[in-house]
C-alpha atoms as a PDB file:
ATOM      1  CA  MET A   1      22.623 -35.755-163.641  1.00  0.00           C
ATOM      2  CA  GLY A   2      25.500 -37.562-165.300  1.00  0.00           C
ATOM      3  CA  MET A   3      25.825 -41.224-164.310  1.00  0.00           C
ATOM      4  CA  TYR A   4      28.050 -44.197-165.062  1.00  0.00           C
ATOM      5  CA  HIS A   5      27.354 -47.907-164.622  1.00  0.00           C
ATOM      6  CA  PRO A   6      29.455 -50.625-166.274  1.00  0.00           C
ATOM      7  CA  ASN A   7      26.331 -52.692-167.056  1.00  0.00           C
ATOM      8  CA  HIS A   8      24.518 -49.806-168.753  1.00  0.00           C
ATOM      9  CA  PRO A   9      24.484 -50.258-172.564  1.00  0.00           C
ATOM     10  CA  GLU A  10      26.218 -46.907-173.060  1.00  0.00           C
ATOM     11  CA  GLY A  11      28.245 -46.843-169.826  1.00  0.00           C
ATOM     12  CA  THR A  12      27.527 -43.159-169.237  1.00  0.00           C
ATOM     13  CA  TYR A  13      23.977 -41.868-169.247  1.00  0.00           C
ATOM     14  CA  GLN A  14      21.774 -39.047-167.947  1.00  0.00           C
ATOM     15  CA  MET A  15      19.163 -39.190-165.172  1.00  0.00           C
ATOM     16  CA  ALA A  16      16.524 -36.638-164.150  1.00  0.00           C
ATOM     17  CA  ASN A  17      15.775 -36.829-160.430  1.00  0.00           C
ATOM     18  CA  ARG A  18      12.411 -35.847-158.945  1.00  0.00           C
ATOM     19  CA  ILE A  19      12.721 -34.807-155.299  1.00  0.00           C
ATOM     20  CA  LEU A  20      10.065 -36.509-153.155  1.00  0.00           C
ATOM     21  CA  ILE A  21      11.223 -35.473-149.671  1.00  0.00           C
ATOM     22  CA  PHE A  22      13.326 -32.460-148.835  1.00  0.00           C
ATOM     23  CA  ASP A  23      13.469 -31.964-145.080  1.00  0.00           C
ATOM     24  CA  PRO A  24      16.798 -30.328-144.199  1.00  0.00           C
ATOM     25  CA  PRO A  25      18.692 -31.319-142.189  1.00  0.00           C
ATOM     26  CA  ASN A  26      16.815 -34.605-141.630  1.00  0.00           C
ATOM     27  CA  ALA A  27      16.103 -36.293-144.948  1.00  0.00           C
ATOM     28  CA  ILE A  28      16.145 -36.161-148.716  1.00  0.00           C
ATOM     29  CA  ALA A  29      14.559 -38.706-151.063  1.00  0.00           C
ATOM     30  CA  TRP A  30      14.408 -38.765-154.836  1.00  0.00           C
ATOM     31  CA  GLU A  31      12.998 -40.819-157.658  1.00  0.00           C
ATOM     32  CA  PRO A  32      15.394 -41.265-160.590  1.00  0.00           C
ATOM     33  CA  GLY A  33      13.855 -40.611-163.977  1.00  0.00           C
ATOM     34  CA  TYR A  34      14.786 -40.515-167.627  1.00  0.00           C
ATOM     35  CA  ASP A  35      13.962 -38.631-170.811  1.00  0.00           C
ATOM     36  CA  THR A  36      11.313 -40.610-172.681  1.00  0.00           C
ATOM     37  CA  GLY A  37      12.227 -38.944-175.974  1.00  0.00           C
ATOM     38  CA  ASP A  38       8.937 -37.069-176.345  1.00  0.00           C
ATOM     39  CA  GLY A  39       9.667 -34.154-174.003  1.00  0.00           C
ATOM     40  CA  THR A  40       8.419 -35.878-170.861  1.00  0.00           C
ATOM     41  CA  LEU A  41      10.137 -37.756-168.070  1.00  0.00           C
ATOM     42  CA  GLY A  42       9.535 -41.367-167.119  1.00  0.00           C
ATOM     43  CA  PHE A  43      10.110 -42.907-163.704  1.00  0.00           C
ATOM     44  CA  GLY A  44      10.813 -46.561-162.999  1.00  0.00           C
ATOM     45  CA  GLY A  45       9.334 -46.714-159.509  1.00  0.00           C
ATOM     46  CA  TRP A  46      12.446 -46.815-157.333  1.00  0.00           C
ATOM     47  CA  VAL A  47      13.329 -44.281-154.638  1.00  0.00           C
ATOM     48  CA  TRP A  48      16.662 -43.434-153.013  1.00  0.00           C
ATOM     49  CA  ARG A  49      16.705 -41.809-149.576  1.00  0.00           C
ATOM     50  CA  TYR A  50      19.203 -40.375-147.099  1.00  0.00           C
ATOM     51  CA  ASP A  51      18.121 -40.006-143.466  1.00  0.00           C
ATOM     52  CA  LEU A  52      20.410 -37.859-141.313  1.00  0.00           C
ATOM     53  CA  THR A  53      20.677 -38.096-137.524  1.00  0.00           C
ATOM     54  CA  PRO A  54      23.036 -35.812-135.559  1.00  0.00           C
ATOM     55  CA  THR A  55      25.361 -37.820-133.283  1.00  0.00           C
ATOM     56  CA  GLY A  56      27.440 -34.953-131.925  1.00  0.00           C
ATOM     57  CA  PRO A  57      28.426 -31.348-132.565  1.00  0.00           C
ATOM     58  CA  SER A  58      30.201 -32.217-135.813  1.00  0.00           C
ATOM     59  CA  ALA A  59      29.016 -35.745-136.604  1.00  0.00           C
ATOM     60  CA  THR A  60      26.000 -37.185-138.365  1.00  0.00           C
ATOM     61  CA  LYS A  61      24.785 -40.727-138.903  1.00  0.00           C
ATOM     62  CA  VAL A  62      23.593 -41.177-142.487  1.00  0.00           C
ATOM     63  CA  THR A  63      21.282 -44.020-143.454  1.00  0.00           C
ATOM     64  CA  LEU A  64      20.907 -44.758-147.155  1.00  0.00           C
ATOM     65  CA  THR A  65      17.970 -46.813-148.370  1.00  0.00           C
ATOM     66  CA  TYR A  66      16.396 -47.625-151.688  1.00  0.00           C
ATOM     67  CA  ASP A  67      12.894 -48.859-152.238  1.00  0.00           C
ATOM     68  CA  TRP A  68      12.085 -50.913-155.318  1.00  0.00           C
ATOM     69  CA  SER A  69       8.613 -52.013-154.240  1.00  0.00           C
ATOM     70  CA  ALA A  70       6.867 -49.982-156.976  1.00  0.00           C
ATOM     71  CA  VAL A  71       9.034 -51.317-159.833  1.00  0.00           C
ATOM     72  CA  SER A  72       7.094 -53.357-162.375  1.00  0.00           C
ATOM     73  CA  GLU A  73       7.950 -57.000-162.953  1.00  0.00           C
ATOM     74  CA  SER A  74       8.933 -56.280-166.568  1.00  0.00           C
ATOM     75  CA  VAL A  75      11.451 -53.630-165.476  1.00  0.00           C
ATOM     76  CA  ARG A  76      12.843 -55.959-162.782  1.00  0.00           C
ATOM     77  CA  GLU A  77      13.353 -58.643-165.424  1.00  0.00           C
ATOM     78  CA  HIS A  78      14.921 -56.187-167.885  1.00  0.00           C
ATOM     79  CA  ILE A  79      17.532 -54.691-165.536  1.00  0.00           C
ATOM     80  CA  GLY A  80      17.935 -57.587-163.124  1.00  0.00           C
ATOM     81  CA  PHE A  81      16.987 -57.578-159.490  1.00  0.00           C
ATOM     82  CA  PRO A  82      18.411 -56.557-157.191  1.00  0.00           C
ATOM     83  CA  PRO A  83      20.277 -54.089-159.377  1.00  0.00           C
ATOM     84  CA  PHE A  84      22.946 -53.399-156.755  1.00  0.00           C
ATOM     85  CA  PRO A  85      24.639 -55.691-154.247  1.00  0.00           C
ATOM     86  CA  ALA A  86      24.381 -54.676-150.578  1.00  0.00           C
ATOM     87  CA  ASP A  87      27.992 -53.449-150.533  1.00  0.00           C
ATOM     88  CA  HIS A  88      27.036 -50.827-153.152  1.00  0.00           C
ATOM     89  CA  LEU A  89      25.164 -48.939-150.417  1.00  0.00           C
ATOM     90  CA  ASP A  90      28.224 -49.138-148.133  1.00  0.00           C
ATOM     91  CA  ASN A  91      30.444 -47.840-150.962  1.00  0.00           C
ATOM     92  CA  SER A  92      28.026 -44.997-151.633  1.00  0.00           C
ATOM     93  CA  LEU A  93      28.069 -43.961-147.969  1.00  0.00           C
ATOM     94  CA  ALA A  94      31.880 -44.179-147.859  1.00  0.00           C
ATOM     95  CA  HIS A  95      32.092 -41.953-150.944  1.00  0.00           C
ATOM     96  CA  LEU A  96      29.686 -39.448-149.366  1.00  0.00           C
ATOM     97  CA  ALA A  97      31.837 -39.400-146.203  1.00  0.00           C
ATOM     98  CA  GLU A  98      34.937 -38.712-148.329  1.00  0.00           C
ATOM     99  CA  LEU A  99      33.194 -35.818-150.071  1.00  0.00           C
ATOM    100  CA  VAL A 100      31.988 -34.281-146.822  1.00  0.00           C
ATOM    101  CA  SER A 101      35.316 -34.549-145.030  1.00  0.00           C
ATOM    102  CA  SER A 102      37.420 -33.153-147.885  1.00  0.00           C
END
């Protein structure tokens, strides 16, 4: 998956996501990974998750969470913690809403 983050050394970069939960239409969770350079994938220990709750015939409440509890101290020090401010989650949900309604 192509990504962009202004604080990433290259700006744009590639991620390989491992799906941990796929329970349509209720939830999806994934663990972002990366190419280690030797043909395998590495995972940093964080998990992103969407939980979906119907609120009407054409409406859904979406809750976005991320769990960094399994991230090593060395990785937390390297990338900074928390890596995203709280409003990043709000922006992500707003972007998802734009995509769904267009």
